[in-house]
Protein backbone atom coordinates (compact mmCIF):
# COMPACT_ATOMS: atom_id res chain seq x y z
CA MET A 1 157.33 327.03 105.25
CA ALA A 2 154.72 326.43 107.92
CA GLN A 3 154.94 328.14 111.30
CA ILE A 4 155.44 325.72 114.19
CA PRO A 5 152.49 326.10 116.57
CA ILE A 6 152.73 326.45 120.33
CA LEU A 7 151.26 323.26 121.82
CA SER A 8 151.15 321.56 125.19
CA GLY A 9 152.98 318.28 125.71
CA ARG A 10 149.70 316.35 125.74
CA ASP A 11 148.66 317.95 122.43
CA VAL A 12 152.01 316.97 120.87
CA VAL A 13 151.51 313.36 122.05
CA THR A 14 148.01 313.35 120.53
CA VAL A 15 149.36 314.48 117.14
CA PHE A 16 152.15 311.88 117.12
CA ALA A 17 149.64 309.18 118.14
CA LYS A 18 147.72 309.90 114.91
CA VAL A 19 150.68 308.56 112.90
CA GLY A 20 151.39 305.49 115.03
CA TRP A 21 153.61 306.67 117.90
CA GLN A 22 152.71 305.22 121.32
CA ILE A 23 153.59 306.19 124.88
CA VAL A 24 155.55 303.33 126.44
CA ARG A 25 156.53 304.94 129.71
CA GLN A 26 156.69 308.18 131.63
CA ARG A 27 159.26 309.28 134.14
CA GLY A 28 158.72 312.62 135.79
CA SER A 29 157.56 315.16 133.26
CA HIS A 30 158.73 313.35 130.10
CA MET A 31 156.65 310.92 128.07
CA ILE A 32 158.65 308.42 126.00
CA MET A 33 157.09 307.44 122.68
CA VAL A 34 158.11 304.67 120.27
CA LYS A 35 156.92 303.54 116.86
CA SER A 36 157.34 300.13 115.30
CA GLY A 37 159.96 300.26 112.57
CA HIS A 38 161.74 303.37 113.92
CA MET A 39 165.03 303.31 115.81
CA ALA A 40 164.35 306.71 117.38
CA THR A 41 162.36 307.35 120.53
CA LEU A 42 160.64 310.64 121.24
CA SER A 43 160.93 312.21 124.67
CA VAL A 44 158.03 314.67 124.88
CA PRO A 45 158.03 317.03 127.88
CA GLU A 46 154.67 317.29 129.62
CA HIS A 47 154.71 321.08 129.82
CA ARG A 48 152.00 323.65 129.22
CA GLU A 49 153.98 324.91 126.24
CA VAL A 50 156.63 322.91 124.38
CA SER A 51 159.21 325.31 122.96
CA ARG A 52 159.38 325.61 119.19
CA GLY A 53 162.98 324.37 119.02
CA THR A 54 162.15 321.25 121.04
CA LEU A 55 159.08 320.60 118.91
CA ARG A 56 161.07 321.04 115.68
CA SER A 57 163.60 318.49 116.94
CA LEU A 58 160.82 316.03 117.83
CA ILE A 59 159.23 316.46 114.40
CA ARG A 60 162.59 315.84 112.70
CA CYS A 61 163.23 312.69 114.78
CA SER A 62 159.76 311.36 114.01
CA GLY A 63 160.38 311.43 110.26
CA LEU A 64 157.67 314.01 109.57
CA THR A 65 158.06 317.41 107.98
CA VAL A 66 156.82 320.56 109.70
CA GLU A 67 154.08 320.88 107.06
CA GLU A 68 152.86 317.31 107.68
CA PHE A 69 152.85 317.90 111.45
CA VAL A 70 150.89 321.16 111.12
CA ALA A 71 148.37 319.40 108.86
CA LEU A 72 147.87 316.74 111.54
CA VAL A 73 147.34 319.44 114.18
CA ASP A 74 144.59 320.98 112.05
CA GLU A 75 142.71 317.68 111.63
């Protein structure tokens, strides 16, 4: 099982953008992302470090596996 990396909120948004997620709005320190065909929305905190538990939850909601997400980070 791949280790979840420590990333900033902007880095997380960049990775999700690679698979079709788009920022639709931002309120305060949270960026809301949507993807056509998905019911879920992702609320990514714009912090210097997104905690591993929060990131794991975002990955799960996006429909990706941790391994797929880590592979996208390494691209």
